[in-house]
């Protein structure tokens, strides 16, 4: 329990921030999952647009400090690697 007014306010602020961050993190995970499933299905044109959207979403989340920049880079790299591998096997 908070002992001061400032501590009480900080708890409220942290909860609001946590709610915003959670929604962005959840949306980013959904977009990345959609891109992965599109790549696995082998729909190359749709997969390319989904991977591009996922990379954008990860960059925005990393820029806002919601996820770590290295985590975003790692996820983008792995997603691109999957896309390139699927494209190579498609040809």
N, C-alpha and C. Protein backbone atom coordinates (compact mmCIF):
# COMPACT_ATOMS: atom_id res chain seq x y z
N UNK A 1 0.84 -1.18 0.00
CA UNK A 1 0.00 0.00 0.00
C UNK A 1 0.88 1.24 0.00
N UNK A 2 0.49 2.23 -0.77
CA UNK A 2 1.27 3.47 -0.88
C UNK A 2 1.10 4.32 0.38
N UNK A 3 2.20 4.94 0.80
CA UNK A 3 2.17 5.76 2.01
C UNK A 3 2.00 7.24 1.73
N UNK A 4 2.31 7.67 0.52
CA UNK A 4 2.24 9.09 0.21
C UNK A 4 1.33 9.32 -0.99
N UNK A 5 0.94 10.62 -1.17
CA UNK A 5 0.09 10.96 -2.30
C UNK A 5 0.83 10.70 -3.62
N UNK A 6 2.12 11.02 -3.63
CA UNK A 6 2.89 10.84 -4.87
C UNK A 6 3.02 9.35 -5.23
N UNK A 7 3.15 8.51 -4.21
CA UNK A 7 3.24 7.07 -4.47
C UNK A 7 1.91 6.54 -5.00
N UNK A 8 0.81 7.06 -4.46
CA UNK A 8 -0.52 6.65 -4.93
C UNK A 8 -0.71 7.04 -6.39
N UNK A 9 -0.29 8.27 -6.71
CA UNK A 9 -0.40 8.74 -8.08
C UNK A 9 0.47 7.91 -9.01
N UNK A 10 1.67 7.57 -8.58
CA UNK A 10 2.57 6.78 -9.40
C UNK A 10 1.97 5.40 -9.70
N UNK A 11 1.25 4.84 -8.74
CA UNK A 11 0.57 3.56 -8.96
C UNK A 11 -0.48 3.70 -10.05
N UNK A 12 -1.27 4.79 -9.99
CA UNK A 12 -2.30 5.03 -11.01
C UNK A 12 -1.67 5.21 -12.38
N UNK A 13 -0.59 5.99 -12.44
CA UNK A 13 0.08 6.26 -13.70
C UNK A 13 0.66 4.97 -14.28
N UNK A 14 1.26 4.16 -13.41
CA UNK A 14 1.86 2.91 -13.86
C UNK A 14 0.80 1.95 -14.41
N UNK A 15 -0.36 1.92 -13.78
CA UNK A 15 -1.44 1.05 -14.26
C UNK A 15 -1.94 1.50 -15.63
N UNK A 16 -2.05 2.82 -15.82
CA UNK A 16 -2.49 3.34 -17.12
C UNK A 16 -1.46 3.01 -18.20
N UNK A 17 -0.20 3.20 -17.87
CA UNK A 17 0.89 2.91 -18.80
C UNK A 17 0.91 1.42 -19.14
N UNK A 18 0.71 0.60 -18.13
CA UNK A 18 0.70 -0.85 -18.33
C UNK A 18 -0.41 -1.27 -19.28
N UNK A 19 -1.58 -0.65 -19.16
CA UNK A 19 -2.70 -0.96 -20.04
C UNK A 19 -2.40 -0.61 -21.48
N UNK A 20 -1.81 0.57 -21.70
CA UNK A 20 -1.44 0.97 -23.06
C UNK A 20 -0.39 0.04 -23.64
N UNK A 21 0.62 -0.26 -22.85
CA UNK A 21 1.70 -1.13 -23.32
C UNK A 21 1.18 -2.53 -23.64
N UNK A 22 0.27 -3.02 -22.82
CA UNK A 22 -0.26 -4.37 -23.01
C UNK A 22 -1.02 -4.46 -24.33
N UNK A 23 -1.81 -3.43 -24.65
CA UNK A 23 -2.57 -3.48 -25.89
C UNK A 23 -1.65 -3.45 -27.10
N UNK A 24 -0.60 -2.63 -27.05
CA UNK A 24 0.35 -2.56 -28.17
C UNK A 24 1.09 -3.88 -28.30
N UNK A 25 1.52 -4.45 -27.17
CA UNK A 25 2.25 -5.72 -27.20
C UNK A 25 1.38 -6.83 -27.76
N UNK A 26 0.12 -6.85 -27.37
CA UNK A 26 -0.81 -7.86 -27.84
C UNK A 26 -1.06 -7.72 -29.33
N UNK A 27 -1.26 -6.50 -29.80
CA UNK A 27 -1.48 -6.26 -31.22
C UNK A 27 -0.26 -6.69 -32.03
N UNK A 28 0.92 -6.37 -31.53
CA UNK A 28 2.15 -6.74 -32.23
C UNK A 28 2.28 -8.25 -32.32
N UNK A 29 1.99 -8.95 -31.24
CA UNK A 29 2.05 -10.41 -31.26
C UNK A 29 1.07 -10.99 -32.27
N UNK A 30 -0.12 -10.42 -32.34
CA UNK A 30 -1.13 -10.89 -33.27
C UNK A 30 -0.67 -10.71 -34.72
N UNK A 31 -0.10 -9.55 -35.01
CA UNK A 31 0.38 -9.27 -36.37
C UNK A 31 1.52 -10.20 -36.75
N UNK A 32 2.44 -10.45 -35.82
CA UNK A 32 3.57 -11.34 -36.08
C UNK A 32 3.06 -12.76 -36.30
N UNK A 33 2.12 -13.20 -35.48
CA UNK A 33 1.56 -14.55 -35.63
C UNK A 33 0.86 -14.71 -36.98
N UNK A 34 0.14 -13.68 -37.40
CA UNK A 34 -0.54 -13.72 -38.69
C UNK A 34 0.48 -13.83 -39.83
N UNK A 35 1.57 -13.08 -39.72
CA UNK A 35 2.61 -13.13 -40.75
C UNK A 35 3.24 -14.51 -40.81
N UNK A 36 3.51 -15.11 -39.65
CA UNK A 36 4.10 -16.44 -39.62
C UNK A 36 3.18 -17.48 -40.25
N UNK A 37 1.89 -17.38 -39.95
CA UNK A 37 0.96 -18.36 -40.51
C UNK A 37 0.81 -18.18 -42.02
N UNK A 38 0.86 -16.95 -42.50
CA UNK A 38 0.78 -16.71 -43.94
C UNK A 38 2.01 -17.27 -44.65
N UNK A 39 3.18 -17.10 -44.02
CA UNK A 39 4.41 -17.65 -44.59
C UNK A 39 4.32 -19.17 -44.63
N UNK A 40 3.82 -19.78 -43.56
CA UNK A 40 3.73 -21.24 -43.50
C UNK A 40 2.75 -21.80 -44.54
N UNK A 41 1.71 -21.03 -44.86
CA UNK A 41 0.74 -21.46 -45.87
C UNK A 41 1.34 -21.42 -47.27
N UNK A 42 2.36 -20.58 -47.45
CA UNK A 42 3.01 -20.49 -48.75
C UNK A 42 2.43 -19.44 -49.66
N UNK A 43 1.61 -18.55 -49.14
CA UNK A 43 1.04 -17.46 -49.93
C UNK A 43 2.06 -16.32 -49.94
N UNK A 44 2.93 -16.30 -50.94
CA UNK A 44 4.08 -15.41 -50.93
C UNK A 44 3.72 -13.92 -50.99
N UNK A 45 2.78 -13.54 -51.83
CA UNK A 45 2.46 -12.12 -51.95
C UNK A 45 1.82 -11.59 -50.67
N UNK A 46 0.90 -12.36 -50.12
CA UNK A 46 0.28 -11.96 -48.86
C UNK A 46 1.29 -12.01 -47.72
N UNK A 47 2.19 -12.97 -47.77
CA UNK A 47 3.19 -13.12 -46.73
C UNK A 47 4.14 -11.92 -46.71
N UNK A 48 4.50 -11.44 -47.88
CA UNK A 48 5.40 -10.29 -47.94
C UNK A 48 4.77 -9.05 -47.32
N UNK A 49 3.49 -8.81 -47.60
CA UNK A 49 2.83 -7.65 -47.01
C UNK A 49 2.65 -7.82 -45.51
N UNK A 50 2.36 -9.06 -45.08
CA UNK A 50 2.19 -9.31 -43.65
C UNK A 50 3.51 -9.17 -42.89
N UNK A 51 4.60 -9.63 -43.50
CA UNK A 51 5.91 -9.50 -42.86
C UNK A 51 6.30 -8.03 -42.76
N UNK A 52 5.99 -7.28 -43.79
CA UNK A 52 6.29 -5.84 -43.77
C UNK A 52 5.49 -5.15 -42.67
N UNK A 53 4.22 -5.52 -42.52
CA UNK A 53 3.38 -4.95 -41.45
C UNK A 53 3.90 -5.35 -40.08
N UNK A 54 4.35 -6.59 -39.95
CA UNK A 54 4.88 -7.07 -38.68
C UNK A 54 6.16 -6.32 -38.31
N UNK A 55 7.02 -6.11 -39.29
CA UNK A 55 8.27 -5.38 -39.03
C UNK A 55 7.97 -3.95 -38.60
N UNK A 56 7.00 -3.34 -39.24
CA UNK A 56 6.61 -1.98 -38.87
C UNK A 56 6.06 -1.93 -37.45
N UNK A 57 5.22 -2.88 -37.12
CA UNK A 57 4.64 -2.94 -35.78
C UNK A 57 5.71 -3.15 -34.72
N UNK A 58 6.67 -4.04 -35.01
CA UNK A 58 7.76 -4.29 -34.07
C UNK A 58 8.63 -3.05 -33.89
N UNK A 59 8.89 -2.34 -34.99
CA UNK A 59 9.69 -1.11 -34.90
C UNK A 59 8.99 -0.05 -34.06
N UNK A 60 7.69 0.08 -34.24
CA UNK A 60 6.93 1.07 -33.46
C UNK A 60 6.95 0.72 -31.98
N UNK A 61 6.77 -0.56 -31.67
CA UNK A 61 6.78 -0.99 -30.27
C UNK A 61 8.16 -0.78 -29.65
N UNK A 62 9.21 -1.05 -30.41
CA UNK A 62 10.56 -0.86 -29.91
C UNK A 62 10.87 0.63 -29.74
N UNK A 63 10.38 1.43 -30.66
CA UNK A 63 10.61 2.87 -30.57
C UNK A 63 9.93 3.50 -29.37
N UNK A 64 8.80 2.94 -28.99
CA UNK A 64 8.07 3.45 -27.82
C UNK A 64 8.60 2.85 -26.52
N UNK A 65 9.54 1.89 -26.63
CA UNK A 65 10.10 1.29 -25.44
C UNK A 65 9.24 0.20 -24.84
N UNK A 66 8.27 -0.28 -25.61
CA UNK A 66 7.36 -1.30 -25.09
C UNK A 66 8.04 -2.67 -25.12
N UNK A 67 8.81 -2.92 -26.19
CA UNK A 67 9.66 -4.11 -26.22
C UNK A 67 11.09 -3.63 -26.47
N UNK A 68 12.04 -4.46 -26.13
CA UNK A 68 13.44 -4.08 -26.30
C UNK A 68 13.79 -4.06 -27.79
N UNK A 69 14.66 -3.15 -28.16
CA UNK A 69 15.04 -3.00 -29.56
C UNK A 69 15.68 -4.26 -30.11
N UNK A 70 16.50 -4.93 -29.31
CA UNK A 70 17.14 -6.16 -29.78
C UNK A 70 16.11 -7.28 -29.96
N UNK A 71 15.10 -7.32 -29.13
CA UNK A 71 14.04 -8.32 -29.27
C UNK A 71 13.28 -8.09 -30.57
N UNK A 72 13.01 -6.83 -30.87
CA UNK A 72 12.31 -6.51 -32.12
C UNK A 72 13.17 -6.91 -33.32
N UNK A 73 14.45 -6.60 -33.26
CA UNK A 73 15.36 -6.95 -34.36
C UNK A 73 15.44 -8.46 -34.54
N UNK A 74 15.49 -9.18 -33.43
CA UNK A 74 15.56 -10.64 -33.49
C UNK A 74 14.31 -11.23 -34.12
N UNK A 75 13.14 -10.72 -33.73
CA UNK A 75 11.88 -11.23 -34.28
C UNK A 75 11.77 -10.91 -35.77
N UNK A 76 12.17 -9.70 -36.16
CA UNK A 76 12.13 -9.33 -37.58
C UNK A 76 13.07 -10.21 -38.39
N UNK A 77 14.25 -10.46 -37.84
CA UNK A 77 15.23 -11.28 -38.54
C UNK A 77 14.72 -12.70 -38.74
N UNK A 78 14.15 -13.28 -37.71
CA UNK A 78 13.64 -14.65 -37.81
C UNK A 78 12.46 -14.75 -38.77
N UNK A 79 11.62 -13.72 -38.75
CA UNK A 79 10.47 -13.71 -39.65
C UNK A 79 10.92 -13.58 -41.10
N UNK A 80 11.87 -12.71 -41.36
CA UNK A 80 12.40 -12.53 -42.71
C UNK A 80 13.09 -13.79 -43.19
N UNK A 81 13.80 -14.44 -42.27
CA UNK A 81 14.49 -15.69 -42.61
C UNK A 81 13.48 -16.77 -43.04
N UNK A 82 12.36 -16.85 -42.31
CA UNK A 82 11.31 -17.81 -42.66
C UNK A 82 10.72 -17.49 -44.03
N UNK A 83 10.50 -16.20 -44.28
CA UNK A 83 9.94 -15.77 -45.56
C UNK A 83 10.88 -16.13 -46.70
N UNK A 84 12.17 -15.84 -46.54
CA UNK A 84 13.14 -16.13 -47.58
C UNK A 84 13.26 -17.63 -47.84
N UNK A 85 13.21 -18.42 -46.77
CA UNK A 85 13.30 -19.87 -46.91
C UNK A 85 12.08 -20.41 -47.66
N UNK A 86 10.89 -19.88 -47.33
CA UNK A 86 9.66 -20.31 -48.01
C UNK A 86 9.69 -19.90 -49.48
N UNK A 87 10.21 -18.72 -49.76
CA UNK A 87 10.31 -18.26 -51.14
C UNK A 87 11.28 -19.11 -51.94
N UNK A 88 12.37 -19.53 -51.30
CA UNK A 88 13.36 -20.36 -51.99
C UNK A 88 12.79 -21.75 -52.30
N UNK A 89 12.03 -22.31 -51.38
CA UNK A 89 11.46 -23.63 -51.63
C UNK A 89 10.31 -23.55 -52.62
N UNK A 90 9.67 -22.40 -52.71
CA UNK A 90 8.55 -22.21 -53.64
C UNK A 90 9.04 -22.24 -55.10
N UNK A 91 10.27 -21.74 -55.30
CA UNK A 91 10.80 -21.65 -56.67
C UNK A 91 11.29 -22.93 -57.18
